Amino acid sequence: MLNQSESLAEKFIRRGFWLYLFSFLVWPLGYVVKIILSADLTVEEIGLLYGILSLVGLLTVYHDLGLTESLNFFLPKFIVQKDWTRFKSLVAYSLIAQVITSILIGLALFFSSGYLAEHYFRSTEAVGVIRIFCLFFFGINIHNMNITIFWVSQNTKLQKGTEFLRMIFVVLFTAWLYFTNTGNLITYAWTWIGGLVVGILLGSFFMYRSYYLPYLKDAEVIYDRELVRKVIRYALWVVLAANVGTVLSQVDMQLIIYLLGTRDAGYYTNYLSIIGIPFIIITPIIGFLFPVISELHGKGDEEKITTIKTLFYKYFAILGIITSMFMFVFGPIIASILFGEKFLMSGVILQYSAFFIVCNFLLQINFQILAGVGRIKERVKILWVGLVFNIILNLILIRYYGVFGSALAVGLSWIPIWYLSDKATRTYSHGFDFTFFVKNLLLTTVIGGLSWYFITPLFVGISRVQGLVLMIAIALITILLFIVLNLKEGKLFFGELRKMKKGG
């Protein structure tokens, strides 16, 4: 499953190609769905639909009892050892436990749908949407199991390709409803289930052909008490830690739904879509750190983990400050271009958390390292500090600043999470290049100021399509400018990659 003859550099370059190819194919599809829904539904309906999706997302963090991330940690080691018996056994344990849990959560959500609609979402329309998403829990485990196996074996082509095909069908279902004038809150909710069914069918086919037949068909499923004990212990800490991005973002949405209502939730969900744009670029490669670091840790190659963190910190810190500047200056314009003038407020909300994006970029790297080396307990402690900090700030700032306060609370909560996770992974670092960082920070400040006063007026009085073309052009010019001014550092980066390649 794993090509162990590949060097570290080859892993990031070759696998990274498929990560980014499919990521750049998939992300526009998600935004096409959101744009169609924003045009066809009211702000309140958008808030209700994505508020329910947020609740479902929060529950899906716990539907697998932490076993998915346990697979991410243990399966690469079994692949390296070619221990297909324990590999297959662990997958079987996980699937059985997850299916049982999902059925229980789905049934609980179904029978509580009336109460939640009346007392939580305060909308009678919520009942039908909640019940539709109960089906989500019955299929998500099979889909996630396939994706996880593709992921831990570093088969980015199948992992991202399956997600791409799933999203294609979600877009097709959504577009069909829109153009046949049959789209409403209920019918649009079914598109998520339809896409999930397609993902399950295609993923299972790829799994059977590429993994089960060549590797797992003849392997036995055994009961290994020691393995079960290790997995459960790791999984319980994962359940407590959950996923930092998922938990923090979904808790914010739920507080807004409960304290402010569906209208502000509608603005907030599109704010989340905008702030998620840069993560389309960084998430695939940062997420790929997990199986790579897990493999390196299994081999005892700690020095390469240190090299990875040092390089990623240096360049992703710069990417973070550029992103922060761009989001702050152009936030309201981006919201209007993507979702229309009625969602201008989403861009204003973005400005309250834009300057903290760099902390989020860096904490993502730290959390992948902690997970890859098995220090899950530290992730738990750090996450809970950030989560408590976030909730307290939300309760205070929402009271004084409404939905803007929630975005500010999100940004501020990233700071302690980054600091604590950086402290926990400081042994995996050769230091930080402050000269390089300050140089780019000054450049970003100058470009941001000039853009605020001279570029933003260009968007007045033009169409959304013209605005989109102009925005893309500005983004490309900005990126090109930074590449040219950091050309020397770029050569050094590829020099480090060549060193890693020679080192195997």
Protein backbone atom coordinates (compact mmCIF):
# COMPACT_ATOMS: atom_id res chain seq x y z
CA MET A 1 0.00 0.00 0.00
CA LEU A 2 2.76 2.43 0.95
CA ASN A 3 5.62 3.02 -1.48
CA GLN A 4 8.46 2.97 1.04
CA SER A 5 11.07 3.56 -1.67
CA GLU A 6 9.81 7.13 -2.10
CA SER A 7 11.83 9.83 -0.39
CA LEU A 8 10.16 12.40 1.84
CA ALA A 9 10.43 15.03 -0.88
CA GLU A 10 8.86 12.71 -3.45
CA LYS A 11 5.95 12.03 -1.10
CA PHE A 12 5.12 15.72 -0.80
CA ILE A 13 5.67 16.52 -4.48
CA ARG A 14 3.99 13.52 -6.13
CA ARG A 15 1.20 13.00 -3.62
CA GLY A 16 0.85 16.75 -3.26
CA PHE A 17 0.10 17.00 -6.97
CA TRP A 18 -3.02 14.87 -6.58
CA LEU A 19 -3.96 16.62 -3.36
CA TYR A 20 -3.98 20.00 -5.04
CA LEU A 21 -5.37 18.88 -8.38
CA PHE A 22 -8.49 17.45 -6.78
CA SER A 23 -8.70 20.15 -4.11
CA PHE A 24 -8.82 22.84 -6.77
CA LEU A 25 -11.41 20.81 -8.65
CA VAL A 26 -13.53 20.17 -5.54
CA TRP A 27 -13.56 23.55 -3.80
CA PRO A 28 -15.37 25.46 -6.57
CA LEU A 29 -18.09 22.79 -6.47
CA GLY A 30 -18.81 23.48 -2.81
CA TYR A 31 -19.06 27.19 -3.51
CA VAL A 32 -21.32 26.60 -6.52
CA VAL A 33 -23.75 24.83 -4.17
CA LYS A 34 -23.59 27.68 -1.63
CA ILE A 35 -24.02 30.34 -4.32
CA ILE A 36 -27.09 28.59 -5.75
CA LEU A 37 -28.64 28.21 -2.30
CA SER A 38 -27.88 31.83 -1.39
CA ALA A 39 -29.68 32.95 -4.55
CA ASP A 40 -32.72 30.70 -4.06
CA LEU A 41 -33.25 30.81 -0.28
CA THR A 42 -33.68 33.66 2.18
CA VAL A 43 -30.98 34.64 4.68
CA GLU A 44 -33.07 33.01 7.43
CA GLU A 45 -33.45 29.76 5.44
CA ILE A 46 -29.71 29.66 4.75
CA GLY A 47 -29.11 30.16 8.46
CA LEU A 48 -31.54 27.38 9.37
CA LEU A 49 -30.16 24.88 6.83
CA TYR A 50 -26.53 25.45 7.72
CA GLY A 51 -27.37 25.71 11.40
CA ILE A 52 -28.74 22.16 11.22
CA LEU A 53 -25.73 21.09 9.16
CA SER A 54 -23.54 22.61 11.86
CA LEU A 55 -25.33 20.62 14.56
CA VAL A 56 -24.94 17.46 12.50
CA GLY A 57 -21.27 18.30 11.98
CA LEU A 58 -20.81 18.72 15.71
CA LEU A 59 -22.41 15.34 16.38
CA THR A 60 -20.38 13.60 13.66
CA VAL A 61 -17.24 14.48 15.62
CA TYR A 62 -18.44 11.95 18.20
CA HIS A 63 -20.27 9.43 16.02
CA ASP A 64 -17.11 7.40 15.43
CA LEU A 65 -15.97 7.34 19.09
CA GLY A 66 -12.57 8.66 17.98
CA LEU A 67 -11.88 5.49 15.99
CA THR A 68 -11.29 7.22 12.64
CA GLU A 69 -8.29 9.13 13.96
CA SER A 70 -7.15 5.97 15.72
CA LEU A 71 -7.04 4.30 12.32
CA ASN A 72 -4.96 7.21 11.05
CA PHE A 73 -2.45 6.56 13.81
CA PHE A 74 -2.28 2.73 13.87
CA LEU A 75 -2.89 1.62 10.27
CA PRO A 76 0.26 3.18 8.74
CA LYS A 77 2.33 1.14 11.20
CA PHE A 78 0.58 -2.08 10.14
CA ILE A 79 1.16 -1.18 6.49
CA VAL A 80 4.88 -0.70 7.13
CA GLN A 81 4.94 -4.11 8.92
CA LYS A 82 2.71 -5.71 6.23
CA ASP A 83 0.54 -6.99 9.07
CA TRP A 84 -2.69 -7.37 7.09
CA THR A 85 -4.36 -9.48 9.79
CA ARG A 86 -4.23 -6.71 12.38
CA PHE A 87 -4.99 -4.15 9.68
CA LYS A 88 -8.20 -5.95 8.69
CA SER A 89 -9.12 -6.71 12.30
CA LEU A 90 -8.80 -3.08 13.36
CA VAL A 91 -10.94 -1.92 10.42
CA ALA A 92 -13.59 -4.48 11.35
CA TYR A 93 -13.63 -3.44 15.05
CA SER A 94 -13.93 0.19 14.06
CA LEU A 95 -16.68 -0.27 11.51
CA ILE A 96 -18.90 -2.32 13.84
CA ALA A 97 -18.52 0.15 16.72
CA GLN A 98 -19.14 3.17 14.48
CA VAL A 99 -22.26 1.75 12.84
CA ILE A 100 -23.82 1.03 16.24
CA THR A 101 -22.99 4.53 17.51
CA SER A 102 -24.31 6.20 14.36
CA ILE A 103 -27.62 4.36 14.56
CA LEU A 104 -28.06 5.43 18.19
CA ILE A 105 -27.23 9.10 17.42
CA GLY A 106 -29.45 9.09 14.33
CA LEU A 107 -32.42 7.69 16.26
CA ALA A 108 -31.90 10.16 19.12
CA LEU A 109 -31.83 13.04 16.65
CA PHE A 110 -34.95 11.75 14.88
CA PHE A 111 -37.06 11.46 18.02
CA SER A 112 -35.87 14.82 19.37
CA SER A 113 -36.42 16.67 16.06
CA GLY A 114 -39.73 18.18 17.16
CA TYR A 115 -38.31 19.53 20.40
CA LEU A 116 -35.20 20.93 18.70
CA ALA A 117 -37.28 22.62 16.00
CA GLU A 118 -39.54 24.32 18.55
CA HIS A 119 -37.15 25.23 21.33
CA TYR A 120 -33.74 25.46 19.67
CA PHE A 121 -34.14 26.49 16.03
CA ARG A 122 -37.55 28.08 16.67
CA SER A 123 -38.82 27.04 13.23
CA THR A 124 -41.38 24.41 12.24
CA GLU A 125 -39.48 23.84 8.98
CA ALA A 126 -36.54 22.49 10.94
CA VAL A 127 -38.30 19.20 11.75
CA GLY A 128 -38.17 17.86 8.20
CA VAL A 129 -34.57 18.94 7.61
CA ILE A 130 -33.37 17.38 10.88
CA ARG A 131 -35.07 14.07 10.05
CA ILE A 132 -33.49 14.00 6.59
CA PHE A 133 -30.06 14.39 8.11
CA CYS A 134 -30.70 11.51 10.49
CA LEU A 135 -29.99 9.33 7.43
CA PHE A 136 -26.59 10.95 7.22
CA PHE A 137 -25.44 9.06 10.31
CA PHE A 138 -26.37 5.70 8.80
CA GLY A 139 -23.99 6.06 5.86
CA ILE A 140 -21.20 8.35 6.95
CA ASN A 141 -19.16 5.61 8.62
CA ILE A 142 -18.83 3.47 5.50
CA HIS A 143 -17.83 6.52 3.48
CA ASN A 144 -15.32 7.68 6.10
CA MET A 145 -13.85 4.19 6.43
CA ASN A 146 -13.04 4.09 2.71
CA ILE A 147 -11.61 7.62 2.75
CA THR A 148 -9.51 6.88 5.85
CA ILE A 149 -7.92 3.79 4.28
CA PHE A 150 -7.11 5.75 1.12
CA TRP A 151 -5.65 8.48 3.33
CA VAL A 152 -3.45 6.37 5.64
CA SER A 153 -2.03 4.51 2.64
CA GLN A 154 -1.22 7.95 1.17
CA ASN A 155 -3.30 7.21 -1.95
CA THR A 156 -4.29 10.82 -2.47
CA LYS A 157 -5.60 10.08 -5.95
CA LEU A 158 -8.35 7.79 -4.67
CA GLN A 159 -9.00 9.76 -1.48
CA LYS A 160 -9.50 13.11 -3.19
CA GLY A 161 -10.91 11.59 -6.36
CA THR A 162 -13.77 9.95 -4.46
CA GLU A 163 -14.59 13.24 -2.74
CA PHE A 164 -14.51 15.01 -6.10
CA LEU A 165 -17.01 12.57 -7.62
CA ARG A 166 -19.27 12.85 -4.55
CA MET A 167 -19.31 16.64 -4.84
CA ILE A 168 -19.99 16.52 -8.56
CA PHE A 169 -23.26 14.73 -7.84
CA VAL A 170 -24.17 17.14 -5.03
CA VAL A 171 -23.76 20.01 -7.50
CA LEU A 172 -25.77 18.19 -10.17
CA PHE A 173 -28.63 17.44 -7.77
CA THR A 174 -28.63 21.04 -6.48
CA ALA A 175 -28.51 22.57 -9.98
CA TRP A 176 -31.32 20.30 -11.17
CA LEU A 177 -33.58 21.45 -8.32
CA TYR A 178 -32.71 25.09 -9.01
CA PHE A 179 -33.31 25.03 -12.77
CA THR A 180 -36.52 23.00 -12.48
CA ASN A 181 -37.85 25.43 -9.83
CA THR A 182 -38.32 22.57 -7.36
CA GLY A 183 -35.70 23.71 -4.87
CA ASN A 184 -36.71 24.45 -1.30
CA LEU A 185 -35.36 23.86 2.18
CA ILE A 186 -36.39 20.19 2.21
CA THR A 187 -35.41 19.20 -1.33
CA TYR A 188 -32.05 20.91 -1.08
CA ALA A 189 -31.36 19.00 2.14
CA TRP A 190 -31.74 15.73 0.22
CA THR A 191 -28.83 16.65 -2.08
CA TRP A 192 -26.35 16.04 0.76
CA ILE A 193 -27.76 12.54 1.27
CA GLY A 194 -27.68 11.83 -2.47
CA GLY A 195 -24.04 12.86 -2.67
CA LEU A 196 -23.19 10.66 0.32
CA VAL A 197 -24.81 7.62 -1.34
CA VAL A 198 -22.74 8.19 -4.49
CA GLY A 199 -19.60 8.56 -2.37
CA ILE A 200 -20.30 5.28 -0.55
CA LEU A 201 -20.87 3.33 -3.78
CA LEU A 202 -17.80 4.66 -5.58
CA GLY A 203 -15.54 4.49 -2.52
CA SER A 204 -16.56 0.90 -1.78
CA PHE A 205 -15.84 -0.09 -5.38
CA PHE A 206 -12.34 1.46 -5.26
CA MET A 207 -11.72 -0.07 -1.83
CA TYR A 208 -12.71 -3.56 -2.99
CA ARG A 209 -10.65 -3.45 -6.18
CA SER A 210 -7.51 -1.70 -4.92
CA TYR A 211 -7.24 -2.91 -1.31
CA TYR A 212 -9.47 -5.83 -0.43
CA LEU A 213 -8.59 -8.12 -3.33
CA PRO A 214 -4.78 -7.64 -3.35
CA TYR A 215 -4.15 -7.25 0.39
CA LEU A 216 -7.06 -8.13 2.68
CA LYS A 217 -9.01 -10.95 1.04
CA ASP A 218 -7.00 -13.74 2.64
CA ALA A 219 -6.32 -11.95 5.94
CA GLU A 220 -8.24 -13.12 9.02
CA VAL A 221 -10.19 -11.02 11.48
CA ILE A 222 -8.91 -11.90 14.93
CA TYR A 223 -9.58 -10.63 18.43
CA ASP A 224 -6.38 -9.03 19.72
CA ARG A 225 -7.03 -7.86 23.27
CA GLU A 226 -3.86 -5.78 23.48
CA LEU A 227 -4.63 -4.05 20.17
CA VAL A 228 -8.19 -3.31 21.26
CA ARG A 229 -6.93 -1.87 24.54
CA LYS A 230 -4.44 0.44 22.79
CA VAL A 231 -6.98 1.59 20.22
CA ILE A 232 -9.69 2.29 22.79
CA ARG A 233 -7.29 4.23 24.99
CA TYR A 234 -6.14 6.34 22.04
CA ALA A 235 -9.72 6.77 20.76
CA LEU A 236 -11.06 7.95 24.13
CA TRP A 237 -8.54 10.79 24.14
CA VAL A 238 -9.51 11.60 20.55
CA VAL A 239 -13.18 11.81 21.57
CA LEU A 240 -12.22 14.30 24.26
CA ALA A 241 -10.06 16.25 21.84
CA ALA A 242 -12.41 15.78 18.89
CA ASN A 243 -11.26 18.02 16.05
CA VAL A 244 -10.14 21.54 16.87
CA GLY A 245 -11.47 23.16 13.71
CA THR A 246 -14.77 21.29 13.72
CA VAL A 247 -15.57 21.77 17.38
CA LEU A 248 -14.68 25.45 17.55
CA SER A 249 -16.51 26.43 14.37
CA GLN A 250 -19.63 24.40 15.13
CA VAL A 251 -19.87 25.61 18.73
CA ASP A 252 -19.78 29.20 17.46
CA MET A 253 -22.59 28.52 15.00
CA GLN A 254 -24.71 26.86 17.66
CA LEU A 255 -24.26 29.80 20.05
CA ILE A 256 -25.29 32.22 17.30
CA ILE A 257 -28.35 30.12 16.43
CA TYR A 258 -29.45 30.00 20.06
CA LEU A 259 -28.58 33.56 21.13
CA LEU A 260 -29.12 35.57 17.94
CA GLY A 261 -31.35 33.54 15.61
CA THR A 262 -31.30 32.20 12.06
CA ARG A 263 -30.73 35.54 10.28
CA ASP A 264 -27.37 36.16 11.96
CA ALA A 265 -26.58 32.47 11.48
CA GLY A 266 -27.19 32.98 7.75
CA TYR A 267 -24.61 35.76 7.62
CA TYR A 268 -22.22 33.75 9.78
CA THR A 269 -22.35 30.59 7.69
CA ASN A 270 -21.34 32.50 4.57
CA TYR A 271 -18.58 34.18 6.59
CA LEU A 272 -17.34 30.66 7.39
CA SER A 273 -17.37 29.85 3.68
CA ILE A 274 -15.23 32.89 2.88
CA ILE A 275 -12.71 32.33 5.67
CA GLY A 276 -12.51 28.72 4.52
CA ILE A 277 -11.16 29.72 1.09
CA PRO A 278 -7.46 29.90 2.12
CA PHE A 279 -7.79 26.55 3.88
CA ILE A 280 -8.56 25.03 0.49
CA ILE A 281 -4.93 25.76 -0.29
CA ILE A 282 -3.31 24.68 2.96
CA THR A 283 -5.55 21.89 4.30
CA PRO A 284 -4.63 19.19 1.74
CA ILE A 285 -0.89 19.45 2.31
CA ILE A 286 -1.15 20.03 6.08
CA GLY A 287 -3.59 17.12 6.41
CA PHE A 288 -1.09 14.96 4.52
CA LEU A 289 1.40 15.62 7.34
CA PHE A 290 -0.49 13.18 9.60
CA PRO A 291 0.20 9.90 7.75
CA VAL A 292 3.71 11.04 6.74
CA ILE A 293 4.68 12.00 10.30
CA SER A 294 3.06 8.85 11.67
CA GLU A 295 5.15 6.79 9.26
CA LEU A 296 8.36 8.70 10.14
CA HIS A 297 7.63 8.34 13.85
CA GLY A 298 7.08 4.62 13.38
CA LYS A 299 10.55 4.42 11.80
CA GLY A 300 12.09 6.58 14.55
CA ASP A 301 13.13 9.27 12.06
CA GLU A 302 12.56 12.29 14.33
CA GLU A 303 15.01 14.55 12.49
CA LYS A 304 12.85 14.62 9.36
CA ILE A 305 9.83 15.58 11.47
CA THR A 306 11.89 18.51 12.76
CA THR A 307 12.82 19.50 9.21
CA ILE A 308 9.18 19.39 8.16
CA LYS A 309 7.99 21.64 10.98
CA THR A 310 10.77 24.18 10.48
CA LEU A 311 10.09 24.49 6.74
CA PHE A 312 6.32 24.57 7.07
CA TYR A 313 6.42 27.18 9.82
CA LYS A 314 8.64 29.48 7.82
CA TYR A 315 6.54 29.55 4.67
CA PHE A 316 3.06 29.08 6.09
CA ALA A 317 3.58 32.00 8.48
CA ILE A 318 4.12 34.23 5.43
CA LEU A 319 1.15 32.72 3.64
CA GLY A 320 -0.88 33.43 6.78
CA ILE A 321 -0.07 37.15 6.99
CA ILE A 322 -0.73 37.62 3.26
CA THR A 323 -4.09 35.88 3.67
CA SER A 324 -4.97 37.99 6.71
CA MET A 325 -4.28 41.20 4.82
CA PHE A 326 -6.24 40.10 1.75
CA MET A 327 -9.27 38.98 3.78
CA PHE A 328 -9.38 42.20 5.82
CA VAL A 329 -9.11 44.53 2.83
CA PHE A 330 -11.42 42.67 0.45
CA GLY A 331 -13.77 40.79 2.84
CA PRO A 332 -17.03 42.69 2.11
CA ILE A 333 -16.24 42.72 -1.61
CA ILE A 334 -15.65 38.96 -1.68
CA ALA A 335 -18.96 38.36 0.15
CA SER A 336 -20.88 40.49 -2.35
CA ILE A 337 -19.24 38.80 -5.33
CA LEU A 338 -19.86 35.25 -4.12
CA PHE A 339 -23.26 35.53 -2.44
CA GLY A 340 -24.80 38.83 -3.54
CA GLU A 341 -25.34 42.18 -1.85
CA LYS A 342 -27.73 40.73 0.74
CA PHE A 343 -24.75 38.89 2.26
CA LEU A 344 -22.41 41.93 2.41
CA MET A 345 -22.56 41.60 6.20
CA SER A 346 -20.71 38.25 5.94
CA GLY A 347 -17.65 40.10 4.65
CA VAL A 348 -17.80 42.64 7.47
CA ILE A 349 -17.90 39.77 9.97
CA LEU A 350 -14.77 38.39 8.28
CA GLN A 351 -12.81 41.56 9.06
CA TYR A 352 -13.14 40.90 12.80
CA SER A 353 -11.16 37.64 12.65
CA ALA A 354 -8.99 38.13 9.56
CA PHE A 355 -5.82 39.19 11.37
CA PHE A 356 -5.72 35.98 13.40
CA ILE A 357 -5.67 33.57 10.43
CA VAL A 358 -1.90 33.16 10.64
CA CYS A 359 -2.29 31.61 14.11
CA ASN A 360 -4.76 29.09 12.70
CA PHE A 361 -2.37 28.12 9.89
CA LEU A 362 0.42 27.40 12.36
CA LEU A 363 -1.68 25.58 14.96
CA GLN A 364 -2.86 23.20 12.22
CA ILE A 365 0.77 22.17 11.65
CA ASN A 366 1.34 21.66 15.38
CA PHE A 367 -1.76 19.50 15.79
CA GLN A 368 -0.81 17.24 12.91
CA ILE A 369 2.59 16.69 14.49
CA LEU A 370 1.14 15.92 17.92
CA ALA A 371 -1.33 13.46 16.38
CA GLY A 372 1.31 11.84 14.19
CA VAL A 373 3.67 11.15 17.09
CA GLY A 374 0.85 9.87 19.32
CA ARG A 375 0.79 12.70 21.88
CA ILE A 376 -2.98 12.83 21.86
CA LYS A 377 -3.32 13.74 25.56
CA GLU A 378 -1.57 17.04 24.93
CA ARG A 379 -3.98 17.78 22.10
CA VAL A 380 -6.84 17.22 24.50
CA LYS A 381 -5.51 19.66 27.08
CA ILE A 382 -4.71 22.34 24.50
CA LEU A 383 -8.06 21.98 22.75
CA TRP A 384 -10.05 22.30 25.94
CA VAL A 385 -8.17 25.44 26.97
CA GLY A 386 -8.99 26.97 23.59
CA LEU A 387 -12.57 25.74 23.61
CA VAL A 388 -13.34 27.12 27.07
CA PHE A 389 -11.63 30.39 26.14
CA ASN A 390 -13.69 30.55 22.95
CA ILE A 391 -17.04 29.91 24.64
CA ILE A 392 -16.40 32.48 27.38
CA LEU A 393 -15.35 35.10 24.82
CA ASN A 394 -18.40 34.30 22.67
CA LEU A 395 -20.81 34.76 25.55
CA ILE A 396 -19.21 38.11 26.42
CA LEU A 397 -18.58 39.53 22.94
CA ILE A 398 -21.88 38.39 21.38
CA ARG A 399 -23.65 40.34 24.10
CA TYR A 400 -21.88 43.60 23.16
CA TYR A 401 -21.13 43.17 19.44
CA GLY A 402 -23.59 40.55 18.22
CA VAL A 403 -22.43 38.26 15.43
CA PHE A 404 -19.28 40.37 14.95
CA GLY A 405 -18.29 39.54 18.52
CA SER A 406 -18.45 35.84 17.74
CA ALA A 407 -16.00 36.21 14.84
CA LEU A 408 -13.67 38.20 17.08
CA ALA A 409 -13.95 35.51 19.76
CA VAL A 410 -12.99 32.87 17.20
CA GLY A 411 -9.88 34.78 16.16
CA LEU A 412 -8.76 35.48 19.71
CA SER A 413 -9.23 31.83 20.71
CA TRP A 414 -6.75 30.74 18.03
CA ILE A 415 -3.93 32.55 19.90
CA PRO A 416 -3.73 30.35 23.04
CA ILE A 417 -4.25 27.20 20.97
CA TRP A 418 -1.36 28.14 18.69
CA TYR A 419 0.91 29.13 21.59
CA LEU A 420 0.30 25.98 23.62
CA SER A 421 0.57 23.65 20.60
CA ASP A 422 3.77 25.40 19.50
CA LYS A 423 5.22 24.97 22.99
CA ALA A 424 4.29 21.27 22.92
CA THR A 425 6.08 20.72 19.59
CA ARG A 426 9.08 23.00 20.17
CA THR A 427 11.47 20.05 20.25
CA TYR A 428 10.62 19.52 16.57
CA SER A 429 12.08 22.85 15.43
CA HIS A 430 15.36 24.35 14.28
CA GLY A 431 14.16 27.86 15.13
CA PHE A 432 12.17 30.52 13.30
CA ASP A 433 13.47 32.95 10.66
CA PHE A 434 12.25 36.27 12.11
CA THR A 435 14.15 38.36 9.54
CA PHE A 436 12.30 36.67 6.70
CA PHE A 437 8.99 37.04 8.55
CA VAL A 438 9.42 40.76 9.38
CA LYS A 439 10.48 41.57 5.82
CA ASN A 440 7.29 40.03 4.45
CA LEU A 441 5.16 41.56 7.22
CA LEU A 442 6.31 45.04 6.20
CA LEU A 443 5.67 44.25 2.54
CA THR A 444 2.19 42.96 3.39
CA THR A 445 1.38 46.13 5.34
CA VAL A 446 2.39 48.35 2.41
CA ILE A 447 0.43 46.30 -0.14
CA GLY A 448 -2.59 46.19 2.17
CA GLY A 449 -2.61 49.96 2.66
CA LEU A 450 -2.28 50.68 -1.05
CA SER A 451 -5.04 48.16 -1.85
CA TRP A 452 -7.40 49.71 0.73
CA TYR A 453 -7.12 53.20 -0.73
CA PHE A 454 -6.55 52.59 -4.44
CA ILE A 455 -7.82 49.11 -5.39
CA THR A 456 -11.11 48.68 -3.50
CA PRO A 457 -12.76 51.69 -5.27
CA LEU A 458 -12.37 49.80 -8.56
CA PHE A 459 -15.15 47.40 -7.47
CA VAL A 460 -17.79 50.13 -7.21
CA GLY A 461 -20.46 49.92 -9.92
CA ILE A 462 -19.28 46.69 -11.60
CA SER A 463 -21.08 43.36 -11.95
CA ARG A 464 -20.41 40.29 -9.81
CA VAL A 465 -18.75 38.50 -12.75
CA GLN A 466 -16.50 41.50 -13.46
CA GLY A 467 -15.71 41.72 -9.77
CA LEU A 468 -14.78 38.03 -9.64
CA VAL A 469 -12.40 38.38 -12.61
CA LEU A 470 -10.83 41.50 -11.08
CA MET A 471 -10.47 39.82 -7.67
CA ILE A 472 -8.75 36.77 -9.16
CA ALA A 473 -6.40 39.05 -11.12
CA ILE A 474 -5.49 41.02 -7.98
CA ALA A 475 -4.89 37.80 -6.02
CA LEU A 476 -2.63 36.40 -8.74
CA ILE A 477 -0.66 39.64 -9.02
CA THR A 478 -0.23 39.75 -5.24
CA ILE A 479 1.01 36.16 -5.11
CA LEU A 480 3.36 36.77 -8.06
CA LEU A 481 4.77 39.87 -6.36
CA PHE A 482 5.58 37.91 -3.21
CA ILE A 483 7.14 35.09 -5.24
CA VAL A 484 9.41 37.51 -7.09
CA LEU A 485 10.48 39.32 -3.93
CA ASN A 486 11.16 36.01 -2.16
CA LEU A 487 12.77 34.24 -5.12
CA LYS A 488 15.99 33.62 -3.23
CA GLU A 489 14.13 32.02 -0.32
CA GLY A 490 12.14 29.93 -2.76
CA LYS A 491 15.35 28.50 -4.20
CA LEU A 492 16.51 27.67 -0.68
CA PHE A 493 13.20 25.87 -0.05
CA PHE A 494 13.62 23.64 -3.10
CA GLY A 495 17.22 23.11 -2.05
CA GLU A 496 15.96 21.68 1.24
CA LEU A 497 13.58 19.42 -0.66
CA ARG A 498 16.50 18.09 -2.72
CA LYS A 499 18.42 17.42 0.48
CA MET A 500 15.48 15.43 1.87
CA LYS A 501 15.25 13.53 -1.39
CA LYS A 502 18.91 12.55 -1.24
CA GLY A 503 18.43 11.53 2.37
CA GLY A 504 15.54 9.20 1.37
